């Protein structure tokens, strides 16, 4: 379990980029008027809409494959920033793809954690 959580650390670091370094990146590439708030707001909007939809559509699939596919999607989101150049659209694509991956894997991580935890220790594993 600890190895699994350790491997997810890389994907969680992408979210730190969204919070910590994307504003500076947008300011440096697009200038002081960069619409960071608008770009950032794509993430919560997509999560609110997609999590229930994806959850309902994929409830028959086990959590581990969903976590695996979702983390791959989230990880691939960085390629838009790496190869998109100094424009707004790569940042928007980055947030859209990152949010799609998050909507796939994040809710299923809690399900997986509760599933593998010993009986009566679910809260310890979830913390």
C-alpha atoms as a PDB file:
ATOM      1  CA  UNK A   1       0.000   0.000   0.000  1.00  0.00           C
ATOM      2  CA  UNK A   2       2.785   2.435   0.859  1.00  0.00           C
ATOM      3  CA  UNK A   3       4.505   1.727  -2.463  1.00  0.00           C
ATOM      4  CA  UNK A   4       1.252   2.401  -4.281  1.00  0.00           C
ATOM      5  CA  UNK A   5       0.755   5.710  -2.459  1.00  0.00           C
ATOM      6  CA  UNK A   6       4.401   6.574  -3.105  1.00  0.00           C
ATOM      7  CA  UNK A   7       3.910   6.071  -6.830  1.00  0.00           C
ATOM      8  CA  UNK A   8       0.914   8.397  -6.775  1.00  0.00           C
ATOM      9  CA  UNK A   9       3.110  11.149  -5.353  1.00  0.00           C
ATOM     10  CA  UNK A  10       4.338  12.009  -8.849  1.00  0.00           C
ATOM     11  CA  UNK A  11       0.820  12.647 -10.062  1.00  0.00           C
ATOM     12  CA  UNK A  12       0.017  14.671  -6.978  1.00  0.00           C
ATOM     13  CA  UNK A  13       3.041  16.855  -7.717  1.00  0.00           C
ATOM     14  CA  UNK A  14       1.342  17.885 -10.954  1.00  0.00           C
ATOM     15  CA  UNK A  15      -1.387  19.447  -8.814  1.00  0.00           C
ATOM     16  CA  UNK A  16       1.271  21.386  -6.919  1.00  0.00           C
ATOM     17  CA  UNK A  17       2.363  22.788 -10.284  1.00  0.00           C
ATOM     18  CA  UNK A  18      -1.219  23.916 -10.889  1.00  0.00           C
ATOM     19  CA  UNK A  19      -1.241  25.799  -7.574  1.00  0.00           C
ATOM     20  CA  UNK A  20       2.341  26.905  -7.077  1.00  0.00           C
ATOM     21  CA  UNK A  21       4.116  27.414 -10.381  1.00  0.00           C
ATOM     22  CA  UNK A  22       1.451  27.784 -13.095  1.00  0.00           C
ATOM     23  CA  UNK A  23       0.648  31.387 -12.074  1.00  0.00           C
ATOM     24  CA  UNK A  24       4.300  32.369 -12.423  1.00  0.00           C
ATOM     25  CA  UNK A  25       4.572  30.449 -15.726  1.00  0.00           C
ATOM     26  CA  UNK A  26       1.521  32.225 -17.161  1.00  0.00           C
ATOM     27  CA  UNK A  27       2.795  35.607 -15.995  1.00  0.00           C
ATOM     28  CA  UNK A  28       6.196  35.010 -17.568  1.00  0.00           C
ATOM     29  CA  UNK A  29       4.838  33.705 -20.860  1.00  0.00           C
ATOM     30  CA  UNK A  30       1.712  35.845 -21.312  1.00  0.00           C
ATOM     31  CA  UNK A  31       2.478  38.952 -19.251  1.00  0.00           C
ATOM     32  CA  UNK A  32       0.863  40.517 -16.213  1.00  0.00           C
ATOM     33  CA  UNK A  33      -2.647  40.226 -17.650  1.00  0.00           C
ATOM     34  CA  UNK A  34      -2.529  36.428 -17.859  1.00  0.00           C
ATOM     35  CA  UNK A  35      -5.949  34.967 -16.983  1.00  0.00           C
ATOM     36  CA  UNK A  36      -4.714  32.579 -14.303  1.00  0.00           C
ATOM     37  CA  UNK A  37      -7.988  32.629 -12.363  1.00  0.00           C
ATOM     38  CA  UNK A  38      -9.978  31.669 -15.430  1.00  0.00           C
ATOM     39  CA  UNK A  39      -7.580  28.868 -16.323  1.00  0.00           C
ATOM     40  CA  UNK A  40      -7.522  27.590 -12.741  1.00  0.00           C
ATOM     41  CA  UNK A  41     -11.327  27.656 -12.460  1.00  0.00           C
ATOM     42  CA  UNK A  42     -11.583  25.026 -15.192  1.00  0.00           C
ATOM     43  CA  UNK A  43     -10.430  22.368 -12.701  1.00  0.00           C
ATOM     44  CA  UNK A  44     -13.152  22.671 -10.052  1.00  0.00           C
ATOM     45  CA  UNK A  45     -15.850  23.177 -12.680  1.00  0.00           C
ATOM     46  CA  UNK A  46     -14.848  19.974 -14.482  1.00  0.00           C
ATOM     47  CA  UNK A  47     -14.533  18.022 -11.229  1.00  0.00           C
ATOM     48  CA  UNK A  48     -18.024  19.035 -10.101  1.00  0.00           C
ATOM     49  CA  UNK A  49     -19.483  17.908 -13.419  1.00  0.00           C
ATOM     50  CA  UNK A  50     -17.340  14.870 -14.277  1.00  0.00           C
ATOM     51  CA  UNK A  51     -16.922  13.014 -10.963  1.00  0.00           C
ATOM     52  CA  UNK A  52     -20.585  11.993 -10.654  1.00  0.00           C
ATOM     53  CA  UNK A  53     -20.842  11.193 -14.364  1.00  0.00           C
ATOM     54  CA  UNK A  54     -17.680   9.111 -14.536  1.00  0.00           C
ATOM     55  CA  UNK A  55     -18.485   7.473 -11.203  1.00  0.00           C
ATOM     56  CA  UNK A  56     -21.931   6.397 -12.397  1.00  0.00           C
ATOM     57  CA  UNK A  57     -20.675   5.224 -15.780  1.00  0.00           C
ATOM     58  CA  UNK A  58     -17.723   3.229 -14.393  1.00  0.00           C
ATOM     59  CA  UNK A  59     -19.147   1.822 -11.167  1.00  0.00           C
ATOM     60  CA  UNK A  60     -18.813  -1.732 -12.528  1.00  0.00           C
ATOM     61  CA  UNK A  61     -15.031  -1.320 -12.984  1.00  0.00           C
ATOM     62  CA  UNK A  62     -12.690  -2.141 -10.101  1.00  0.00           C
ATOM     63  CA  UNK A  63     -10.911   0.828  -8.460  1.00  0.00           C
ATOM     64  CA  UNK A  64      -7.326  -0.147  -9.319  1.00  0.00           C
ATOM     65  CA  UNK A  65      -7.714   0.012 -13.138  1.00  0.00           C
ATOM     66  CA  UNK A  66      -9.534   3.325 -12.819  1.00  0.00           C
ATOM     67  CA  UNK A  67      -6.727   4.723 -10.673  1.00  0.00           C
ATOM     68  CA  UNK A  68      -4.177   3.473 -13.172  1.00  0.00           C
ATOM     69  CA  UNK A  69      -5.919   4.987 -16.208  1.00  0.00           C
ATOM     70  CA  UNK A  70      -6.713   8.242 -14.454  1.00  0.00           C
ATOM     71  CA  UNK A  71      -3.148   8.773 -13.286  1.00  0.00           C
ATOM     72  CA  UNK A  72      -1.903   8.158 -16.815  1.00  0.00           C
ATOM     73  CA  UNK A  73      -4.276  10.804 -18.148  1.00  0.00           C
ATOM     74  CA  UNK A  74      -3.237  13.269 -15.431  1.00  0.00           C
ATOM     75  CA  UNK A  75       0.442  12.582 -16.083  1.00  0.00           C
ATOM     76  CA  UNK A  76       0.068  13.115 -19.816  1.00  0.00           C
ATOM     77  CA  UNK A  77      -1.381  16.569 -19.226  1.00  0.00           C
ATOM     78  CA  UNK A  78       2.104  18.009 -18.733  1.00  0.00           C
ATOM     79  CA  UNK A  79       3.007  17.351 -22.361  1.00  0.00           C
ATOM     80  CA  UNK A  80       0.750  20.217 -23.424  1.00  0.00           C
ATOM     81  CA  UNK A  81       2.917  22.616 -21.426  1.00  0.00           C
ATOM     82  CA  UNK A  82       6.142  21.002 -22.582  1.00  0.00           C
ATOM     83  CA  UNK A  83       5.384  21.110 -26.302  1.00  0.00           C
ATOM     84  CA  UNK A  84       2.705  23.812 -26.654  1.00  0.00           C
ATOM     85  CA  UNK A  85       4.897  26.871 -26.605  1.00  0.00           C
ATOM     86  CA  UNK A  86       4.256  30.221 -24.914  1.00  0.00           C
ATOM     87  CA  UNK A  87       0.515  30.434 -25.590  1.00  0.00           C
ATOM     88  CA  UNK A  88      -2.652  30.258 -23.523  1.00  0.00           C
ATOM     89  CA  UNK A  89      -4.112  27.146 -25.176  1.00  0.00           C
ATOM     90  CA  UNK A  90      -1.464  24.703 -23.844  1.00  0.00           C
ATOM     91  CA  UNK A  91      -2.243  25.829 -20.297  1.00  0.00           C
ATOM     92  CA  UNK A  92      -5.968  25.404 -20.869  1.00  0.00           C
ATOM     93  CA  UNK A  93      -5.403  21.941 -22.387  1.00  0.00           C
ATOM     94  CA  UNK A  94      -3.151  21.052 -19.447  1.00  0.00           C
ATOM     95  CA  UNK A  95      -5.860  21.920 -16.922  1.00  0.00           C
ATOM     96  CA  UNK A  96      -8.614  20.175 -18.926  1.00  0.00           C
ATOM     97  CA  UNK A  97      -6.666  16.920 -19.286  1.00  0.00           C
ATOM     98  CA  UNK A  98      -5.421  17.078 -15.690  1.00  0.00           C
ATOM     99  CA  UNK A  99      -8.996  17.562 -14.478  1.00  0.00           C
ATOM    100  CA  UNK A 100     -10.259  14.675 -16.596  1.00  0.00           C
ATOM    101  CA  UNK A 101      -7.615  12.392 -15.102  1.00  0.00           C
ATOM    102  CA  UNK A 102      -8.402  13.615 -11.602  1.00  0.00           C
ATOM    103  CA  UNK A 103     -12.096  12.921 -12.118  1.00  0.00           C
ATOM    104  CA  UNK A 104     -11.208   9.362 -13.117  1.00  0.00           C
ATOM    105  CA  UNK A 105      -8.731   8.407 -10.407  1.00  0.00           C
ATOM    106  CA  UNK A 106      -9.241  10.564  -7.341  1.00  0.00           C
ATOM    107  CA  UNK A 107     -12.629   9.291  -6.115  1.00  0.00           C
ATOM    108  CA  UNK A 108     -11.600   5.704  -6.750  1.00  0.00           C
ATOM    109  CA  UNK A 109      -8.503   6.078  -4.587  1.00  0.00           C
ATOM    110  CA  UNK A 110     -10.676   6.378  -1.480  1.00  0.00           C
ATOM    111  CA  UNK A 111     -12.674   3.328  -2.532  1.00  0.00           C
ATOM    112  CA  UNK A 112      -9.483   1.348  -3.123  1.00  0.00           C
ATOM    113  CA  UNK A 113      -8.056   2.424   0.240  1.00  0.00           C
ATOM    114  CA  UNK A 114     -11.174   1.303   2.085  1.00  0.00           C
ATOM    115  CA  UNK A 115     -11.243  -1.947   0.107  1.00  0.00           C
ATOM    116  CA  UNK A 116      -7.706  -3.053   1.029  1.00  0.00           C
ATOM    117  CA  UNK A 117      -7.766  -1.842   4.644  1.00  0.00           C
ATOM    118  CA  UNK A 118      -8.192  -4.483   7.357  1.00  0.00           C
ATOM    119  CA  UNK A 119     -11.661  -4.627   8.904  1.00  0.00           C
ATOM    120  CA  UNK A 120     -12.023  -1.846  11.465  1.00  0.00           C
ATOM    121  CA  UNK A 121      -8.884   0.036  10.273  1.00  0.00           C
ATOM    122  CA  UNK A 122     -10.390   1.840   7.281  1.00  0.00           C
ATOM    123  CA  UNK A 123     -10.028   5.245   8.942  1.00  0.00           C
ATOM    124  CA  UNK A 124      -6.335   4.652   9.609  1.00  0.00           C
ATOM    125  CA  UNK A 125      -5.691   3.819   5.969  1.00  0.00           C
ATOM    126  CA  UNK A 126      -7.746   6.739   4.698  1.00  0.00           C
ATOM    127  CA  UNK A 127      -5.870   9.240   6.855  1.00  0.00           C
END
